Amino acid sequence: MDYDTLRHFADTYWLAFMFILFVGIVAWAFRPGGRKSADEAARIPLKED
């Protein structure tokens, strides 16, 4: 593979993959019912042994 091929891959497919991954993570974070698990995870450092 030469530089131009790798650059084309990075400019198109990798950017699309990263965008889809970002949208998926944001959708997962704001899904219905996600607040309960996020609140439980936020309280972990405050729990006593």
N, C-alpha and C. Protein backbone atom coordinates (compact mmCIF):
# COMPACT_ATOMS: atom_id res chain seq x y z
N MET A 1 0.84 -1.17 0.00
CA MET A 1 0.00 0.00 0.00
C MET A 1 0.90 1.25 0.00
N ASP A 2 0.51 2.18 -0.78
CA ASP A 2 1.27 3.42 -0.81
C ASP A 2 0.57 4.49 0.03
N TYR A 3 1.21 5.61 0.11
CA TYR A 3 0.73 6.71 0.96
C TYR A 3 -0.65 7.20 0.53
N ASP A 4 -0.87 7.34 -0.77
CA ASP A 4 -2.16 7.86 -1.25
C ASP A 4 -3.31 6.92 -0.91
N THR A 5 -3.07 5.63 -0.99
CA THR A 5 -4.11 4.66 -0.66
C THR A 5 -4.44 4.72 0.83
N LEU A 6 -3.41 4.78 1.66
CA LEU A 6 -3.65 4.85 3.10
C LEU A 6 -4.33 6.16 3.48
N ARG A 7 -3.95 7.23 2.84
CA ARG A 7 -4.57 8.52 3.14
C ARG A 7 -6.05 8.52 2.73
N HIS A 8 -6.35 7.95 1.59
CA HIS A 8 -7.74 7.86 1.15
C HIS A 8 -8.55 7.03 2.13
N PHE A 9 -8.00 5.91 2.58
CA PHE A 9 -8.69 5.06 3.57
C PHE A 9 -8.95 5.84 4.85
N ALA A 10 -7.94 6.54 5.34
CA ALA A 10 -8.09 7.29 6.59
C ALA A 10 -9.07 8.45 6.43
N ASP A 11 -9.07 9.08 5.29
CA ASP A 11 -9.96 10.22 5.08
C ASP A 11 -11.41 9.83 4.92
N THR A 12 -11.69 8.65 4.45
CA THR A 12 -13.08 8.28 4.17
C THR A 12 -13.59 7.24 5.16
N TYR A 13 -13.09 6.03 5.08
CA TYR A 13 -13.66 4.93 5.86
C TYR A 13 -13.39 5.07 7.34
N TRP A 14 -12.19 5.47 7.72
CA TRP A 14 -11.88 5.60 9.14
C TRP A 14 -12.71 6.73 9.77
N LEU A 15 -12.87 7.83 9.06
CA LEU A 15 -13.68 8.93 9.56
C LEU A 15 -15.13 8.49 9.73
N ALA A 16 -15.66 7.76 8.79
CA ALA A 16 -17.04 7.26 8.89
C ALA A 16 -17.18 6.30 10.06
N PHE A 17 -16.20 5.42 10.24
CA PHE A 17 -16.23 4.48 11.36
C PHE A 17 -16.21 5.21 12.69
N MET A 18 -15.34 6.21 12.83
CA MET A 18 -15.25 6.96 14.08
C MET A 18 -16.54 7.75 14.34
N PHE A 19 -17.16 8.28 13.32
CA PHE A 19 -18.42 9.01 13.49
C PHE A 19 -19.53 8.06 13.96
N ILE A 20 -19.62 6.90 13.35
CA ILE A 20 -20.63 5.92 13.75
C ILE A 20 -20.38 5.45 15.17
N LEU A 21 -19.14 5.24 15.53
CA LEU A 21 -18.79 4.85 16.90
C LEU A 21 -19.19 5.94 17.89
N PHE A 22 -18.92 7.19 17.55
CA PHE A 22 -19.29 8.30 18.42
C PHE A 22 -20.80 8.38 18.61
N VAL A 23 -21.54 8.28 17.54
CA VAL A 23 -23.01 8.33 17.63
C VAL A 23 -23.52 7.16 18.47
N GLY A 24 -22.94 5.99 18.31
CA GLY A 24 -23.34 4.83 19.11
C GLY A 24 -23.08 5.02 20.59
N ILE A 25 -21.95 5.58 20.94
CA ILE A 25 -21.63 5.80 22.35
C ILE A 25 -22.56 6.85 22.95
N VAL A 26 -22.84 7.90 22.22
CA VAL A 26 -23.76 8.93 22.72
C VAL A 26 -25.16 8.36 22.87
N ALA A 27 -25.61 7.56 21.91
CA ALA A 27 -26.94 6.95 22.01
C ALA A 27 -27.00 5.99 23.20
N TRP A 28 -25.92 5.26 23.44
CA TRP A 28 -25.90 4.32 24.57
C TRP A 28 -25.94 5.10 25.89
N ALA A 29 -25.24 6.21 25.97
CA ALA A 29 -25.20 6.98 27.21
C ALA A 29 -26.55 7.62 27.53
N PHE A 30 -27.32 8.00 26.52
CA PHE A 30 -28.60 8.67 26.74
C PHE A 30 -29.79 7.76 26.50
N ARG A 31 -29.58 6.45 26.54
CA ARG A 31 -30.68 5.51 26.32
C ARG A 31 -31.66 5.57 27.50
N PRO A 32 -32.90 5.17 27.26
CA PRO A 32 -33.86 5.12 28.37
C PRO A 32 -33.40 4.10 29.42
N GLY A 33 -33.46 4.48 30.66
CA GLY A 33 -33.03 3.59 31.73
C GLY A 33 -31.55 3.70 32.04
N GLY A 34 -30.84 4.52 31.32
CA GLY A 34 -29.42 4.66 31.55
C GLY A 34 -29.08 5.51 32.77
N ARG A 35 -30.00 6.34 33.18
CA ARG A 35 -29.74 7.21 34.33
C ARG A 35 -29.53 6.40 35.60
N LYS A 36 -30.29 5.34 35.79
CA LYS A 36 -30.17 4.54 37.00
C LYS A 36 -28.78 3.92 37.10
N SER A 37 -28.31 3.32 36.02
CA SER A 37 -26.99 2.71 36.05
C SER A 37 -25.89 3.76 36.18
N ALA A 38 -26.06 4.93 35.60
CA ALA A 38 -25.07 6.00 35.72
C ALA A 38 -25.03 6.53 37.15
N ASP A 39 -26.19 6.66 37.79
CA ASP A 39 -26.22 7.12 39.17
C ASP A 39 -25.57 6.10 40.11
N GLU A 40 -25.80 4.82 39.87
CA GLU A 40 -25.17 3.78 40.68
C GLU A 40 -23.65 3.79 40.50
N ALA A 41 -23.21 3.97 39.28
CA ALA A 41 -21.76 4.02 39.02
C ALA A 41 -21.14 5.26 39.66
N ALA A 42 -21.87 6.36 39.71
CA ALA A 42 -21.34 7.58 40.30
C ALA A 42 -21.18 7.45 41.82
N ARG A 43 -21.98 6.58 42.44
CA ARG A 43 -21.91 6.41 43.88
C ARG A 43 -20.87 5.40 44.32
N ILE A 44 -20.24 4.68 43.42
CA ILE A 44 -19.27 3.64 43.78
C ILE A 44 -18.14 4.18 44.66
N PRO A 45 -17.52 5.33 44.35
CA PRO A 45 -16.42 5.79 45.21
C PRO A 45 -16.87 6.17 46.63
N LEU A 46 -18.15 6.44 46.81
CA LEU A 46 -18.65 6.88 48.12
C LEU A 46 -19.09 5.72 48.99
N LYS A 47 -19.16 4.51 48.44
CA LYS A 47 -19.60 3.36 49.21
C LYS A 47 -18.49 2.94 50.18
N GLU A 48 -18.94 2.54 51.37
CA GLU A 48 -17.98 2.04 52.35
C GLU A 48 -17.84 0.54 52.17
N ASP A 49 -16.68 0.03 52.52
CA ASP A 49 -16.43 -1.41 52.42
C ASP A 49 -17.16 -2.19 53.48
